[in-house]
Amino acid sequence: MVQIADTEHDRVGFSDVDYSYHLYPMQKLFDGCYEDVPTMKLIARLTGSVACEV
């Protein structure tokens, strides 16, 4: 499982995510909000992460 970022701007006021709750392997690519991630940086890191799993 690849998670792009912690949250979205619309959800910033919610409580933090408890990552210990997730019982499956996951990788978070960026800290902060999804909307703040530059598109080219997102594409590069996501492509690299997915390519390594194949």
Protein backbone atom coordinates (compact mmCIF):
# COMPACT_ATOMS: atom_id res chain seq x y z
CA MET A 1 0.00 0.00 0.00
CA VAL A 2 1.36 3.40 -0.94
CA GLN A 3 -0.08 6.47 0.75
CA ILE A 4 0.81 9.72 -0.97
CA ALA A 5 0.52 12.13 2.00
CA ASP A 6 -0.82 12.45 5.54
CA THR A 7 -4.03 14.30 4.70
CA GLU A 8 -5.82 16.86 2.51
CA HIS A 9 -6.46 20.53 3.27
CA ASP A 10 -10.16 19.77 3.95
CA ARG A 11 -9.18 17.26 6.66
CA VAL A 12 -6.41 19.12 8.50
CA GLY A 13 -8.63 19.70 11.55
CA PHE A 14 -9.23 15.99 12.10
CA SER A 15 -7.10 14.03 14.53
CA ASP A 16 -3.74 12.62 13.45
CA VAL A 17 -3.61 9.22 11.80
CA ASP A 18 -2.62 6.38 14.13
CA TYR A 19 -0.29 4.45 11.85
CA SER A 20 0.11 1.67 14.43
CA TYR A 21 -3.51 0.72 13.68
CA HIS A 22 -2.71 -0.33 10.11
CA LEU A 23 -1.76 -4.00 10.03
CA TYR A 24 -0.61 -4.10 6.43
CA PRO A 25 2.68 -2.98 4.89
CA MET A 26 2.48 0.63 3.78
CA GLN A 27 4.75 3.41 2.66
CA LYS A 28 3.95 7.12 3.02
CA LEU A 29 5.61 9.21 0.33
CA PHE A 30 5.18 12.77 1.68
CA ASP A 31 4.50 14.46 5.00
CA GLY A 32 1.76 17.07 5.10
CA CYS A 33 -1.10 17.72 2.69
CA TYR A 34 -1.60 16.03 -0.67
CA GLU A 35 -2.38 19.35 -2.37
CA ASP A 36 1.02 20.76 -1.35
CA VAL A 37 3.01 18.08 -3.18
CA PRO A 38 4.40 19.37 -6.50
CA THR A 39 3.01 17.32 -9.39
CA MET A 40 6.36 16.34 -10.91
CA LYS A 41 7.73 15.32 -7.51
CA LEU A 42 4.61 13.21 -6.91
CA ILE A 43 4.89 11.50 -10.29
CA ALA A 44 8.59 10.75 -9.83
CA ARG A 45 8.31 9.34 -6.31
CA LEU A 46 5.10 7.40 -6.95
CA THR A 47 6.48 5.88 -10.14
CA GLY A 48 9.69 4.90 -8.35
CA SER A 49 7.80 3.33 -5.46
CA VAL A 50 5.48 1.33 -7.67
CA ALA A 51 8.28 0.25 -10.03
CA CYS A 52 10.29 -1.13 -7.09
CA GLU A 53 7.35 -3.32 -6.07
CA VAL A 54 6.96 -5.01 -9.47
